Amino acid sequence: MVMRFGMSDRLGPVALGRQQGNMFLGRDIASERDFSEETAAAVDDEVRNLVEQAYRRAKAVLVENRPVLDRLAEMLVERETVDAEELQDLLATSDVKVAAIA
């Protein structure tokens, strides 16, 4: 995301690392490093920040929806399976909170 598509506010919209190889000939695509150690450290920082943000968002959604998850767990303990209709009913009758767009 950061290196290939330039999706970083800090580094800007630049693609880093030249791609080599041809997947269709049975070889993996490898990338050649064409940037400095400082840029590599910045990429590492950006990736770490993105992963930490995603972790915090996922954890917040799970914590905020704990009562719904507990009810789902109870249903699974009782019957071992929950079909799509039962899950939809649970979600429709519960106050489910979704993750905020980052």
PDB file of N, CA and C in Angstrom:
ATOM      1  N   MET A   1       0.827  -1.177   0.000  1.00  0.00           N
ATOM      2  CA  MET A   1       0.000   0.000   0.000  1.00  0.00           C
ATOM      3  C   MET A   1       0.877   1.249   0.000  1.00  0.00           C
ATOM      4  N   VAL A   2       1.875   1.261   0.848  1.00  0.00           N
ATOM      5  CA  VAL A   2       2.754   2.416   0.947  1.00  0.00           C
ATOM      6  C   VAL A   2       3.749   2.438  -0.201  1.00  0.00           C
ATOM      7  N   MET A   3       4.396   1.320  -0.447  1.00  0.00           N
ATOM      8  CA  MET A   3       5.455   1.296  -1.460  1.00  0.00           C
ATOM      9  C   MET A   3       4.922   1.177  -2.879  1.00  0.00           C
ATOM     10  N   ARG A   4       3.971   0.303  -3.075  1.00  0.00           N
ATOM     11  CA  ARG A   4       3.540   0.018  -4.451  1.00  0.00           C
ATOM     12  C   ARG A   4       2.561   1.057  -4.988  1.00  0.00           C
ATOM     13  N   PHE A   5       1.642   1.527  -4.135  1.00  0.00           N
ATOM     14  CA  PHE A   5       0.598   2.427  -4.603  1.00  0.00           C
ATOM     15  C   PHE A   5       0.749   3.850  -4.101  1.00  0.00           C
ATOM     16  N   GLY A   6       1.794   4.134  -3.322  1.00  0.00           N
ATOM     17  CA  GLY A   6       2.037   5.489  -2.848  1.00  0.00           C
ATOM     18  C   GLY A   6       0.967   6.026  -1.931  1.00  0.00           C
ATOM     19  N   MET A   7       0.369   5.158  -1.105  1.00  0.00           N
ATOM     20  CA  MET A   7      -0.711   5.583  -0.221  1.00  0.00           C
ATOM     21  C   MET A   7      -0.147   5.952   1.149  1.00  0.00           C
ATOM     22  N   SER A   8       0.519   7.091   1.200  1.00  0.00           N
ATOM     23  CA  SER A   8       1.101   7.566   2.442  1.00  0.00           C
ATOM     24  C   SER A   8       1.108   9.079   2.435  1.00  0.00           C
ATOM     25  N   ASP A   9       0.522   9.672   3.468  1.00  0.00           N
ATOM     26  CA  ASP A   9       0.562  11.128   3.585  1.00  0.00           C
ATOM     27  C   ASP A   9       1.987  11.616   3.794  1.00  0.00           C
ATOM     28  N   ARG A  10       2.753  10.868   4.553  1.00  0.00           N
ATOM     29  CA  ARG A  10       4.127  11.279   4.878  1.00  0.00           C
ATOM     30  C   ARG A  10       5.062  11.186   3.666  1.00  0.00           C
ATOM     31  N   LEU A  11       4.975  10.106   2.910  1.00  0.00           N
ATOM     32  CA  LEU A  11       5.881   9.906   1.773  1.00  0.00           C
ATOM     33  C   LEU A  11       5.333  10.462   0.471  1.00  0.00           C
ATOM     34  N   GLY A  12       4.041  10.666   0.437  1.00  0.00           N
ATOM     35  CA  GLY A  12       3.440  11.208  -0.778  1.00  0.00           C
ATOM     36  C   GLY A  12       3.100  10.127  -1.788  1.00  0.00           C
ATOM     37  N   PRO A  13       2.496  10.545  -2.889  1.00  0.00           N
ATOM     38  CA  PRO A  13       2.034   9.583  -3.905  1.00  0.00           C
ATOM     39  C   PRO A  13       3.162   9.115  -4.829  1.00  0.00           C
ATOM     40  N   VAL A  14       4.087   8.335  -4.262  1.00  0.00           N
ATOM     41  CA  VAL A  14       5.184   7.786  -5.063  1.00  0.00           C
ATOM     42  C   VAL A  14       5.251   6.282  -4.859  1.00  0.00           C
ATOM     43  N   ALA A  15       5.539   5.585  -5.935  1.00  0.00           N
ATOM     44  CA  ALA A  15       5.745   4.136  -5.848  1.00  0.00           C
ATOM     45  C   ALA A  15       7.233   3.892  -5.663  1.00  0.00           C
ATOM     46  N   LEU A  16       7.569   3.040  -4.725  1.00  0.00           N
ATOM     47  CA  LEU A  16       8.965   2.755  -4.424  1.00  0.00           C
ATOM     48  C   LEU A  16       9.286   1.306  -4.753  1.00  0.00           C
ATOM     49  N   GLY A  17      10.476   1.062  -5.252  1.00  0.00           N
ATOM     50  CA  GLY A  17      10.923  -0.286  -5.569  1.00  0.00           C
ATOM     51  C   GLY A  17      10.492  -0.700  -6.956  1.00  0.00           C
ATOM     52  N   ARG A  18      11.448  -1.003  -7.800  1.00  0.00           N
ATOM     53  CA  ARG A  18      11.142  -1.445  -9.155  1.00  0.00           C
ATOM     54  C   ARG A  18      10.733  -2.914  -9.137  1.00  0.00           C
ATOM     55  N   GLN A  19       9.692  -3.245  -9.874  1.00  0.00           N
ATOM     56  CA  GLN A  19       9.204  -4.627  -9.937  1.00  0.00           C
ATOM     57  C   GLN A  19       9.957  -5.385 -11.021  1.00  0.00           C
ATOM     58  N   GLN A  20      10.353  -6.613 -10.705  1.00  0.00           N
ATOM     59  CA  GLN A  20      11.034  -7.471 -11.665  1.00  0.00           C
ATOM     60  C   GLN A  20      10.379  -8.834 -11.653  1.00  0.00           C
ATOM     61  N   GLY A  21      10.491  -9.525 -12.761  1.00  0.00           N
ATOM     62  CA  GLY A  21       9.957 -10.880 -12.823  1.00  0.00           C
ATOM     63  C   GLY A  21       8.626 -10.912 -13.535  1.00  0.00           C
ATOM     64  N   ASN A  22       8.177 -12.123 -13.820  1.00  0.00           N
ATOM     65  CA  ASN A  22       6.928 -12.313 -14.521  1.00  0.00           C
ATOM     66  C   ASN A  22       6.182 -13.441 -13.839  1.00  0.00           C
ATOM     67  N   MET A  23       5.090 -13.113 -13.183  1.00  0.00           N
ATOM     68  CA  MET A  23       4.327 -14.129 -12.455  1.00  0.00           C
ATOM     69  C   MET A  23       3.812 -15.222 -13.377  1.00  0.00           C
ATOM     70  N   PHE A  24       3.532 -14.873 -14.616  1.00  0.00           N
ATOM     71  CA  PHE A  24       2.931 -15.836 -15.532  1.00  0.00           C
ATOM     72  C   PHE A  24       3.920 -16.879 -16.022  1.00  0.00           C
ATOM     73  N   LEU A  25       5.200 -16.649 -15.776  1.00  0.00           N
ATOM     74  CA  LEU A  25       6.203 -17.625 -16.167  1.00  0.00           C
ATOM     75  C   LEU A  25       6.659 -18.454 -14.968  1.00  0.00           C
ATOM     76  N   GLY A  26       5.889 -18.394 -13.893  1.00  0.00           N
ATOM     77  CA  GLY A  26       6.188 -19.223 -12.735  1.00  0.00           C
ATOM     78  C   GLY A  26       7.163 -18.597 -11.762  1.00  0.00           C
ATOM     79  N   ARG A  27       7.538 -17.339 -11.997  1.00  0.00           N
ATOM     80  CA  ARG A  27       8.455 -16.675 -11.076  1.00  0.00           C
ATOM     81  C   ARG A  27       7.687 -15.651 -10.254  1.00  0.00           C
ATOM     82  N   ASP A  28       8.125 -15.478  -9.031  1.00  0.00           N
ATOM     83  CA  ASP A  28       7.534 -14.438  -8.184  1.00  0.00           C
ATOM     84  C   ASP A  28       8.031 -13.079  -8.632  1.00  0.00           C
ATOM     85  N   ILE A  29       7.209 -12.097  -8.386  1.00  0.00           N
ATOM     86  CA  ILE A  29       7.641 -10.733  -8.650  1.00  0.00           C
ATOM     87  C   ILE A  29       8.542 -10.307  -7.509  1.00  0.00           C
ATOM     88  N   ALA A  30       9.702  -9.823  -7.834  1.00  0.00           N
ATOM     89  CA  ALA A  30      10.632  -9.315  -6.830  1.00  0.00           C
ATOM     90  C   ALA A  30      10.773  -7.820  -7.032  1.00  0.00           C
ATOM     91  N   SER A  31      11.063  -7.117  -5.965  1.00  0.00           N
ATOM     92  CA  SER A  31      11.263  -5.687  -6.116  1.00  0.00           C
ATOM     93  C   SER A  31      12.711  -5.342  -5.798  1.00  0.00           C
ATOM     94  N   GLU A  32      13.238  -4.433  -6.566  1.00  0.00           N
ATOM     95  CA  GLU A  32      14.598  -3.961  -6.380  1.00  0.00           C
ATOM     96  C   GLU A  32      14.528  -2.669  -5.587  1.00  0.00           C
ATOM     97  N   ARG A  33      15.330  -2.565  -4.562  1.00  0.00           N
ATOM     98  CA  ARG A  33      15.293  -1.367  -3.726  1.00  0.00           C
ATOM     99  C   ARG A  33      16.018  -0.233  -4.426  1.00  0.00           C
ATOM    100  N   ASP A  34      15.290   0.821  -4.701  1.00  0.00           N
ATOM    101  CA  ASP A  34      15.857   1.981  -5.372  1.00  0.00           C
ATOM    102  C   ASP A  34      15.655   3.243  -4.532  1.00  0.00           C
ATOM    103  N   PHE A  35      15.805   3.084  -3.205  1.00  0.00           N
ATOM    104  CA  PHE A  35      15.617   4.209  -2.299  1.00  0.00           C
ATOM    105  C   PHE A  35      16.575   4.061  -1.120  1.00  0.00           C
ATOM    106  N   SER A  36      16.763   5.144  -0.396  1.00  0.00           N
ATOM    107  CA  SER A  36      17.757   5.203   0.673  1.00  0.00           C
ATOM    108  C   SER A  36      17.298   4.484   1.938  1.00  0.00           C
ATOM    109  N   GLU A  37      18.243   4.341   2.868  1.00  0.00           N
ATOM    110  CA  GLU A  37      17.939   3.763   4.182  1.00  0.00           C
ATOM    111  C   GLU A  37      16.938   4.641   4.927  1.00  0.00           C
ATOM    112  N   GLU A  38      17.058   5.961   4.781  1.00  0.00           N
ATOM    113  CA  GLU A  38      16.129   6.880   5.439  1.00  0.00           C
ATOM    114  C   GLU A  38      14.707   6.670   4.916  1.00  0.00           C
ATOM    115  N   THR A  39      14.583   6.505   3.609  1.00  0.00           N
ATOM    116  CA  THR A  39      13.272   6.265   3.021  1.00  0.00           C
ATOM    117  C   THR A  39      12.735   4.914   3.467  1.00  0.00           C
ATOM    118  N   ALA A  40      13.612   3.912   3.539  1.00  0.00           N
ATOM    119  CA  ALA A  40      13.194   2.584   4.011  1.00  0.00           C
ATOM    120  C   ALA A  40      12.683   2.675   5.454  1.00  0.00           C
ATOM    121  N   ALA A  41      13.353   3.462   6.288  1.00  0.00           N
ATOM    122  CA  ALA A  41      12.915   3.641   7.677  1.00  0.00           C
ATOM    123  C   ALA A  41      11.573   4.359   7.715  1.00  0.00           C
ATOM    124  N   ALA A  42      11.384   5.348   6.835  1.00  0.00           N
ATOM    125  CA  ALA A  42      10.112   6.072   6.774  1.00  0.00           C
ATOM    126  C   ALA A  42       8.990   5.133   6.336  1.00  0.00           C
ATOM    127  N   VAL A  43       9.276   4.256   5.366  1.00  0.00           N
ATOM    128  CA  VAL A  43       8.285   3.271   4.918  1.00  0.00           C
ATOM    129  C   VAL A  43       7.914   2.358   6.078  1.00  0.00           C
ATOM    130  N   ASP A  44       8.912   1.884   6.811  1.00  0.00           N
ATOM    131  CA  ASP A  44       8.653   1.023   7.972  1.00  0.00           C
ATOM    132  C   ASP A  44       7.765   1.736   8.994  1.00  0.00           C
ATOM    133  N   ASP A  45       8.062   3.006   9.246  1.00  0.00           N
ATOM    134  CA  ASP A  45       7.248   3.783  10.188  1.00  0.00           C
ATOM    135  C   ASP A  45       5.807   3.921   9.706  1.00  0.00           C
ATOM    136  N   GLU A  46       5.636   4.211   8.421  1.00  0.00           N
ATOM    137  CA  GLU A  46       4.291   4.359   7.865  1.00  0.00           C
ATOM    138  C   GLU A  46       3.505   3.058   7.950  1.00  0.00           C
ATOM    139  N   VAL A  47       4.156   1.957   7.616  1.00  0.00           N
ATOM    140  CA  VAL A  47       3.491   0.654   7.683  1.00  0.00           C
ATOM    141  C   VAL A  47       3.117   0.343   9.130  1.00  0.00           C
ATOM    142  N   ARG A  48       4.044   0.597  10.058  1.00  0.00           N
ATOM    143  CA  ARG A  48       3.762   0.360  11.476  1.00  0.00           C
ATOM    144  C   ARG A  48       2.570   1.205  11.934  1.00  0.00           C
ATOM    145  N   ASN A  49       2.534   2.474  11.528  1.00  0.00           N
ATOM    146  CA  ASN A  49       1.422   3.348  11.900  1.00  0.00           C
ATOM    147  C   ASN A  49       0.101   2.846  11.325  1.00  0.00           C
ATOM    148  N   LEU A  50       0.097   2.416  10.073  1.00  0.00           N
ATOM    149  CA  LEU A  50      -1.129   1.902   9.452  1.00  0.00           C
ATOM    150  C   LEU A  50      -1.635   0.657  10.168  1.00  0.00           C
ATOM    151  N   VAL A  51      -0.719  -0.240  10.498  1.00  0.00           N
ATOM    152  CA  VAL A  51      -1.104  -1.474  11.194  1.00  0.00           C
ATOM    153  C   VAL A  51      -1.632  -1.147  12.590  1.00  0.00           C
ATOM    154  N   GLU A  52      -0.976  -0.220  13.292  1.00  0.00           N
ATOM    155  CA  GLU A  52      -1.444   0.157  14.628  1.00  0.00           C
ATOM    156  C   GLU A  52      -2.821   0.817  14.571  1.00  0.00           C
ATOM    157  N   GLN A  53      -3.055   1.670  13.583  1.00  0.00           N
ATOM    158  CA  GLN A  53      -4.369   2.301  13.423  1.00  0.00           C
ATOM    159  C   GLN A  53      -5.444   1.250  13.163  1.00  0.00           C
ATOM    160  N   ALA A  54      -5.139   0.311  12.270  1.00  0.00           N
ATOM    161  CA  ALA A  54      -6.105  -0.739  11.946  1.00  0.00           C
ATOM    162  C   ALA A  54      -6.389  -1.599  13.175  1.00  0.00           C
ATOM    163  N   TYR A  55      -5.360  -1.895  13.947  1.00  0.00           N
ATOM    164  CA  TYR A  55      -5.545  -2.683  15.172  1.00  0.00           C
ATOM    165  C   TYR A  55      -6.449  -1.941  16.155  1.00  0.00           C
ATOM    166  N   ARG A  56      -6.183  -0.653  16.367  1.00  0.00           N
ATOM    167  CA  ARG A  56      -6.997   0.127  17.305  1.00  0.00           C
ATOM    168  C   ARG A  56      -8.454   0.193  16.848  1.00  0.00           C
ATOM    169  N   ARG A  57      -8.682   0.385  15.547  1.00  0.00           N
ATOM    170  CA  ARG A  57     -10.052   0.438  15.028  1.00  0.00           C
ATOM    171  C   ARG A  57     -10.761  -0.898  15.217  1.00  0.00           C
ATOM    172  N   ALA A  58     -10.069  -1.990  14.890  1.00  0.00           N
ATOM    173  CA  ALA A  58     -10.672  -3.319  15.026  1.00  0.00           C
ATOM    174  C   ALA A  58     -10.988  -3.622  16.488  1.00  0.00           C
ATOM    175  N   LYS A  59     -10.071  -3.291  17.377  1.00  0.00           N
ATOM    176  CA  LYS A  59     -10.289  -3.542  18.803  1.00  0.00           C
ATOM    177  C   LYS A  59     -11.458  -2.707  19.315  1.00  0.00           C
ATOM    178  N   ALA A  60     -11.540  -1.455  18.891  1.00  0.00           N
ATOM    179  CA  ALA A  60     -12.639  -0.588  19.328  1.00  0.00           C
ATOM    180  C   ALA A  60     -13.987  -1.140  18.877  1.00  0.00           C
ATOM    181  N   VAL A  61     -14.062  -1.645  17.656  1.00  0.00           N
ATOM    182  CA  VAL A  61     -15.319  -2.219  17.159  1.00  0.00           C
ATOM    183  C   VAL A  61     -15.698  -3.447  17.977  1.00  0.00           C
ATOM    184  N   LEU A  62     -14.730  -4.289  18.282  1.00  0.00           N
ATOM    185  CA  LEU A  62     -15.019  -5.484  19.078  1.00  0.00           C
ATOM    186  C   LEU A  62     -15.466  -5.117  20.492  1.00  0.00           C
ATOM    187  N   VAL A  63     -14.791  -4.151  21.113  1.00  0.00           N
ATOM    188  CA  VAL A  63     -15.152  -3.740  22.471  1.00  0.00           C
ATOM    189  C   VAL A  63     -16.537  -3.093  22.485  1.00  0.00           C
ATOM    190  N   GLU A  64     -16.810  -2.219  21.513  1.00  0.00           N
ATOM    191  CA  GLU A  64     -18.107  -1.542  21.457  1.00  0.00           C
ATOM    192  C   GLU A  64     -19.259  -2.511  21.193  1.00  0.00           C
ATOM    193  N   ASN A  65     -18.968  -3.599  20.501  1.00  0.00           N
ATOM    194  CA  ASN A  65     -20.004  -4.569  20.166  1.00  0.00           C
ATOM    195  C   ASN A  65     -19.944  -5.814  21.044  1.00  0.00           C
ATOM    196  N   ARG A  66     -19.308  -5.727  22.188  1.00  0.00           N
ATOM    197  CA  ARG A  66     -19.148  -6.878  23.076  1.00  0.00           C
ATOM    198  C   ARG A  66     -20.485  -7.537  23.433  1.00  0.00           C
ATOM    199  N   PRO A  67     -21.524  -6.778  23.762  1.00  0.00           N
ATOM    200  CA  PRO A  67     -22.797  -7.442  24.097  1.00  0.00           C
ATOM    201  C   PRO A  67     -23.349  -8.284  22.937  1.00  0.00           C
ATOM    202  N   VAL A  68     -23.211  -7.812  21.724  1.00  0.00           N
ATOM    203  CA  VAL A  68     -23.690  -8.564  20.563  1.00  0.00           C
ATOM    204  C   VAL A  68     -22.836  -9.819  20.377  1.00  0.00           C
ATOM    205  N   LEU A  69     -21.537  -9.669  20.530  1.00  0.00           N
ATOM    206  CA  LEU A  69     -20.643 -10.822  20.388  1.00  0.00           C
ATOM    207  C   LEU A  69     -20.893 -11.856  21.482  1.00  0.00           C
ATOM    208  N   ASP A  70     -21.166 -11.378  22.705  1.00  0.00           N
ATOM    209  CA  ASP A  70     -21.489 -12.312  23.792  1.00  0.00           C
ATOM    210  C   ASP A  70     -22.775 -13.080  23.493  1.00  0.00           C
ATOM    211  N   ARG A  71     -23.770 -12.400  22.976  1.00  0.00           N
ATOM    212  CA  ARG A  71     -25.035 -13.072  22.622  1.00  0.00           C
ATOM    213  C   ARG A  71     -24.805 -14.093  21.511  1.00  0.00           C
ATOM    214  N   LEU A  72     -24.001 -13.735  20.517  1.00  0.00           N
ATOM    215  CA  LEU A  72     -23.676 -14.671  19.437  1.00  0.00           C
ATOM    216  C   LEU A  72     -22.939 -15.887  20.000  1.00  0.00           C
ATOM    217  N   ALA A  73     -22.021 -15.648  20.920  1.00  0.00           N
ATOM    218  CA  ALA A  73     -21.291 -16.759  21.542  1.00  0.00           C
ATOM    219  C   ALA A  73     -22.242 -17.682  22.292  1.00  0.00           C
ATOM    220  N   GLU A  74     -23.210 -17.096  23.013  1.00  0.00           N
ATOM    221  CA  GLU A  74     -24.203 -17.910  23.725  1.00  0.00           C
ATOM    222  C   GLU A  74     -25.005 -18.775  22.753  1.00  0.00           C
ATOM    223  N   MET A  75     -25.398 -18.176  21.630  1.00  0.00           N
ATOM    224  CA  MET A  75     -26.164 -18.924  20.626  1.00  0.00           C
ATOM    225  C   MET A  75     -25.335 -20.094  20.093  1.00  0.00           C
ATOM    226  N   LEU A  76     -24.054 -19.848  19.873  1.00  0.00           N
ATOM    227  CA  LEU A  76     -23.184 -20.901  19.339  1.00  0.00           C
ATOM    228  C   LEU A  76     -22.935 -22.006  20.368  1.00  0.00           C
ATOM    229  N   VAL A  77     -22.821 -21.641  21.639  1.00  0.00           N
ATOM    230  CA  VAL A  77     -22.635 -22.654  22.687  1.00  0.00           C
ATOM    231  C   VAL A  77     -23.884 -23.521  22.792  1.00  0.00           C
ATOM    232  N   GLU A  78     -25.050 -22.889  22.689  1.00  0.00           N
ATOM    233  CA  GLU A  78     -26.306 -23.628  22.794  1.00  0.00           C
ATOM    234  C   GLU A  78     -26.517 -24.579  21.619  1.00  0.00           C
ATOM    235  N   ARG A  79     -26.258 -24.092  20.402  1.00  0.00           N
ATOM    236  CA  ARG A  79     -26.634 -24.871  19.220  1.00  0.00           C
ATOM    237  C   ARG A  79     -25.473 -25.236  18.295  1.00  0.00           C
ATOM    238  N   GLU A  80     -24.287 -24.724  18.543  1.00  0.00           N
ATOM    239  CA  GLU A  80     -23.084 -24.969  17.741  1.00  0.00           C
ATOM    240  C   GLU A  80     -23.077 -24.273  16.395  1.00  0.00           C
ATOM    241  N   THR A  81     -24.229 -23.994  15.824  1.00  0.00           N
ATOM    242  CA  THR A  81     -24.279 -23.289  14.537  1.00  0.00           C
ATOM    243  C   THR A  81     -25.340 -22.195  14.592  1.00  0.00           C
ATOM    244  N   VAL A  82     -25.126 -21.179  13.798  1.00  0.00           N
ATOM    245  CA  VAL A  82     -26.093 -20.096  13.643  1.00  0.00           C
ATOM    246  C   VAL A  82     -26.232 -19.874  12.149  1.00  0.00           C
ATOM    247  N   ASP A  83     -27.447 -19.955  11.656  1.00  0.00           N
ATOM    248  CA  ASP A  83     -27.620 -19.760  10.218  1.00  0.00           C
ATOM    249  C   ASP A  83     -27.702 -18.265   9.888  1.00  0.00           C
ATOM    250  N   ALA A  84     -27.701 -17.959   8.623  1.00  0.00           N
ATOM    251  CA  ALA A  84     -27.670 -16.569   8.159  1.00  0.00           C
ATOM    252  C   ALA A  84     -28.868 -15.777   8.670  1.00  0.00           C
ATOM    253  N   GLU A  85     -30.031 -16.390   8.675  1.00  0.00           N
ATOM    254  CA  GLU A  85     -31.240 -15.697   9.119  1.00  0.00           C
ATOM    255  C   GLU A  85     -31.152 -15.335  10.603  1.00  0.00           C
ATOM    256  N   GLU A  86     -30.661 -16.270  11.417  1.00  0.00           N
ATOM    257  CA  GLU A  86     -30.513 -15.999  12.849  1.00  0.00           C
ATOM    258  C   GLU A  86     -29.491 -14.882  13.099  1.00  0.00           C
ATOM    259  N   LEU A  87     -28.419 -14.918  12.346  1.00  0.00           N
ATOM    260  CA  LEU A  87     -27.400 -13.875  12.484  1.00  0.00           C
ATOM    261  C   LEU A  87     -27.961 -12.521  12.060  1.00  0.00           C
ATOM    262  N   GLN A  88     -28.687 -12.499  10.964  1.00  0.00           N
ATOM    263  CA  GLN A  88     -29.306 -11.254  10.514  1.00  0.00           C
ATOM    264  C   GLN A  88     -30.284 -10.719  11.553  1.00  0.00           C
ATOM    265  N   ASP A  89     -31.071 -11.602  12.151  1.00  0.00           N
ATOM    266  CA  ASP A  89     -32.008 -11.190  13.207  1.00  0.00           C
ATOM    267  C   ASP A  89     -31.260 -10.596  14.397  1.00  0.00           C
ATOM    268  N   LEU A  90     -30.195 -11.252  14.809  1.00  0.00           N
ATOM    269  CA  LEU A  90     -29.404 -10.754  15.930  1.00  0.00           C
ATOM    270  C   LEU A  90     -28.856  -9.363  15.626  1.00  0.00           C
ATOM    271  N   LEU A  91     -28.298  -9.198  14.444  1.00  0.00           N
ATOM    272  CA  LEU A  91     -27.715  -7.913  14.073  1.00  0.00           C
ATOM    273  C   LEU A  91     -28.783  -6.830  13.920  1.00  0.00           C
ATOM    274  N   ALA A  92     -29.947  -7.202  13.393  1.00  0.00           N
ATOM    275  CA  ALA A  92     -31.026  -6.229  13.178  1.00  0.00           C
ATOM    276  C   ALA A  92     -31.635  -5.758  14.496  1.00  0.00           C
ATOM    277  N   THR A  93     -31.642  -6.623  15.494  1.00  0.00           N
ATOM    278  CA  THR A  93     -32.266  -6.262  16.770  1.00  0.00           C
ATOM    279  C   THR A  93     -31.255  -5.757  17.794  1.00  0.00           C
ATOM    280  N   SER A  94     -30.007  -5.615  17.390  1.00  0.00           N
ATOM    281  CA  SER A  94     -28.961  -5.153  18.301  1.00  0.00           C
ATOM    282  C   SER A  94     -28.441  -3.797  17.843  1.00  0.00           C
ATOM    283  N   ASP A  95     -27.847  -3.086  18.770  1.00  0.00           N
ATOM    284  CA  ASP A  95     -27.242  -1.802  18.468  1.00  0.00           C
ATOM    285  C   ASP A  95     -25.806  -2.038  18.047  1.00  0.00           C
ATOM    286  N   VAL A  96     -25.608  -2.400  16.782  1.00  0.00           N
ATOM    287  CA  VAL A  96     -24.282  -2.712  16.268  1.00  0.00           C
ATOM    288  C   VAL A  96     -23.592  -1.422  15.850  1.00  0.00           C
ATOM    289  N   LYS A  97     -22.362  -1.253  16.326  1.00  0.00           N
ATOM    290  CA  LYS A  97     -21.580  -0.078  15.974  1.00  0.00           C
ATOM    291  C   LYS A  97     -20.514  -0.474  14.963  1.00  0.00           C
ATOM    292  N   VAL A  98     -20.356   0.343  13.930  1.00  0.00           N
ATOM    293  CA  VAL A  98     -19.369   0.060  12.897  1.00  0.00           C
ATOM    294  C   VAL A  98     -18.152   0.935  13.093  1.00  0.00           C
ATOM    295  N   ALA A  99     -17.049   0.555  12.475  1.00  0.00           N
ATOM    296  CA  ALA A  99     -15.817   1.318  12.584  1.00  0.00           C
ATOM    297  C   ALA A  99     -15.943   2.631  11.838  1.00  0.00           C
ATOM    298  N   ALA A 100     -15.358   3.647  12.404  1.00  0.00           N
ATOM    299  CA  ALA A 100     -15.332   4.947  11.735  1.00  0.00           C
ATOM    300  C   ALA A 100     -14.334   4.891  10.583  1.00  0.00           C
ATOM    301  N   ILE A 101     -14.647   5.576   9.532  1.00  0.00           N
ATOM    302  CA  ILE A 101     -13.735   5.646   8.390  1.00  0.00           C
ATOM    303  C   ILE A 101     -12.530   6.477   8.805  1.00  0.00           C
ATOM    304  N   ALA A 102     -11.366   5.918   8.575  1.00  0.00           N
ATOM    305  CA  ALA A 102     -10.135   6.621   9.001  1.00  0.00           C
ATOM    306  C   ALA A 102      -9.806   7.757   8.053  1.00  0.00           C
TER     307      ALA A 102
END
